[in-house]
Amino acid sequence: MLNTYMTEHEVQNRLNFLDVINSFLFEDIPVEIKGVTLYRKRNILTDGEKICISQERASLRDFISHKNGEINEKQVRNYKVSQKIEDKINACVIIIKQTNWHKTYKRNY
């Protein structure tokens, strides 16, 4: 199982972290194209890479459900994003810190 070496607290922290990254990636941001302001999602990760993040988030939720006795161990998906995606996630963290995005995010939710 993916999360054998992680505590429930570590799993919950990773899930919360990926939820914030997901919100950051899917936020509409203004982009000016030929003098017209349009709103687009951030393109730091490809659609497939975003799916991979969602797969890990689902895996972590499965782990928590198993620990809560809601599903059995065989139902827990085993998934972790690749190092390439993890590197892109870390690039998002740098942008979030440089722009204080997380403070704005917290204020809105």
Protein backbone atom coordinates (compact mmCIF):
# COMPACT_ATOMS: atom_id res chain seq x y z
CA MET A 1 0.00 0.00 0.00
CA LEU A 2 1.28 3.48 -0.93
CA ASN A 3 0.81 5.08 2.45
CA THR A 4 2.17 2.27 4.65
CA TYR A 5 5.00 4.48 5.86
CA MET A 6 2.92 7.61 6.29
CA THR A 7 1.01 8.45 9.43
CA GLU A 8 -2.62 9.47 9.18
CA HIS A 9 -1.52 13.01 10.03
CA GLU A 10 1.03 13.01 7.18
CA VAL A 11 -1.58 11.67 4.76
CA GLN A 12 -4.05 14.38 5.78
CA ASN A 13 -1.35 17.07 5.41
CA ARG A 14 -0.43 15.81 1.93
CA LEU A 15 -4.10 15.75 0.94
CA ASN A 16 -4.64 19.30 2.19
CA PHE A 17 -1.50 20.41 0.36
CA LEU A 18 -2.62 18.84 -2.93
CA ASP A 19 -6.09 20.34 -2.51
CA VAL A 20 -4.50 23.81 -2.29
CA ILE A 21 -2.32 23.11 -5.34
CA ASN A 22 -5.39 21.91 -7.23
CA SER A 23 -7.28 25.10 -6.35
CA PHE A 24 -4.31 27.19 -7.46
CA LEU A 25 -4.09 25.40 -10.81
CA PHE A 26 -7.80 25.64 -11.56
CA GLU A 27 -8.27 29.28 -10.58
CA ASP A 28 -9.25 31.56 -13.46
CA ILE A 29 -6.58 34.20 -14.01
CA PRO A 30 -6.77 37.21 -16.33
CA VAL A 31 -4.71 36.94 -19.51
CA GLU A 32 -4.51 39.78 -22.02
CA ILE A 33 -4.58 38.63 -25.64
CA LYS A 34 -4.48 41.30 -28.36
CA GLY A 35 -5.82 43.92 -25.98
CA VAL A 36 -8.66 41.73 -24.71
CA THR A 37 -8.69 40.33 -21.19
CA LEU A 38 -9.67 36.68 -21.10
CA TYR A 39 -9.71 34.30 -18.16
CA ARG A 40 -7.76 31.05 -18.31
CA LYS A 41 -6.56 28.34 -15.96
CA ARG A 42 -2.87 28.25 -15.11
CA ASN A 43 -0.94 26.10 -17.57
CA ILE A 44 1.90 25.01 -15.31
CA LEU A 45 0.82 21.37 -15.57
CA THR A 46 -0.72 19.56 -18.51
CA ASP A 47 -4.25 18.21 -18.25
CA GLY A 48 -2.80 14.71 -17.85
CA GLU A 49 -0.54 15.86 -15.02
CA LYS A 50 -3.52 17.45 -13.27
CA ILE A 51 -5.30 14.11 -13.59
CA CYS A 52 -2.31 12.47 -11.90
CA ILE A 53 -2.64 14.89 -8.98
CA SER A 54 -6.32 13.97 -8.74
CA GLN A 55 -5.35 10.29 -8.74
CA GLU A 56 -3.01 10.81 -5.80
CA ARG A 57 -5.66 12.82 -3.97
CA ALA A 58 -8.13 9.96 -4.50
CA SER A 59 -5.55 7.46 -3.24
CA LEU A 60 -5.03 9.51 -0.08
CA ARG A 61 -8.79 9.76 0.47
CA ASP A 62 -9.02 5.98 0.06
CA PHE A 63 -6.33 5.56 2.72
CA ILE A 64 -8.28 7.77 5.13
CA SER A 65 -11.51 5.90 4.36
CA HIS A 66 -9.73 2.62 5.10
CA LYS A 67 -8.37 3.94 8.40
CA ASN A 68 -11.91 5.05 9.29
CA GLY A 69 -13.20 1.53 8.58
CA GLU A 70 -15.31 2.66 5.61
CA ILE A 71 -13.55 0.48 3.00
CA ASN A 72 -11.27 -2.53 3.15
CA GLU A 73 -7.57 -2.46 2.33
CA LYS A 74 -8.05 -4.02 -1.12
CA GLN A 75 -10.17 -1.02 -2.14
CA VAL A 76 -7.38 1.47 -1.41
CA ARG A 77 -5.80 2.74 -4.62
CA ASN A 78 -2.03 3.00 -4.61
CA TYR A 79 -0.85 6.12 -6.42
CA LYS A 80 1.84 8.79 -6.04
CA VAL A 81 2.69 11.44 -8.65
CA SER A 82 5.99 11.15 -10.51
CA GLN A 83 9.05 13.19 -9.59
CA LYS A 84 8.52 15.31 -12.74
CA ILE A 85 5.05 16.28 -11.53
CA GLU A 86 6.32 16.79 -7.98
CA ASP A 87 8.90 19.23 -9.39
CA LYS A 88 6.11 21.17 -11.12
CA ILE A 89 4.10 21.17 -7.89
CA ASN A 90 7.14 22.67 -6.15
CA ALA A 91 7.25 25.37 -8.86
CA CYS A 92 3.63 26.16 -7.95
CA VAL A 93 4.65 26.50 -4.29
CA ILE A 94 7.28 29.07 -5.26
CA ILE A 95 4.70 31.10 -7.22
CA ILE A 96 2.19 30.82 -4.37
CA LYS A 97 4.78 32.13 -1.89
CA GLN A 98 6.03 34.92 -4.18
CA THR A 99 2.52 36.20 -4.89
CA ASN A 100 1.01 35.57 -1.42
CA TRP A 101 -1.73 33.69 -3.28
CA HIS A 102 -2.41 31.46 -0.27
CA LYS A 103 -3.46 34.44 1.85
CA THR A 104 -5.93 35.50 -0.84
CA TYR A 105 -7.14 31.90 -1.16
CA LYS A 106 -7.72 31.60 2.59
CA ARG A 107 -9.59 34.90 2.67
CA ASN A 108 -11.94 33.77 -0.09
CA TYR A 109 -12.78 30.40 1.50
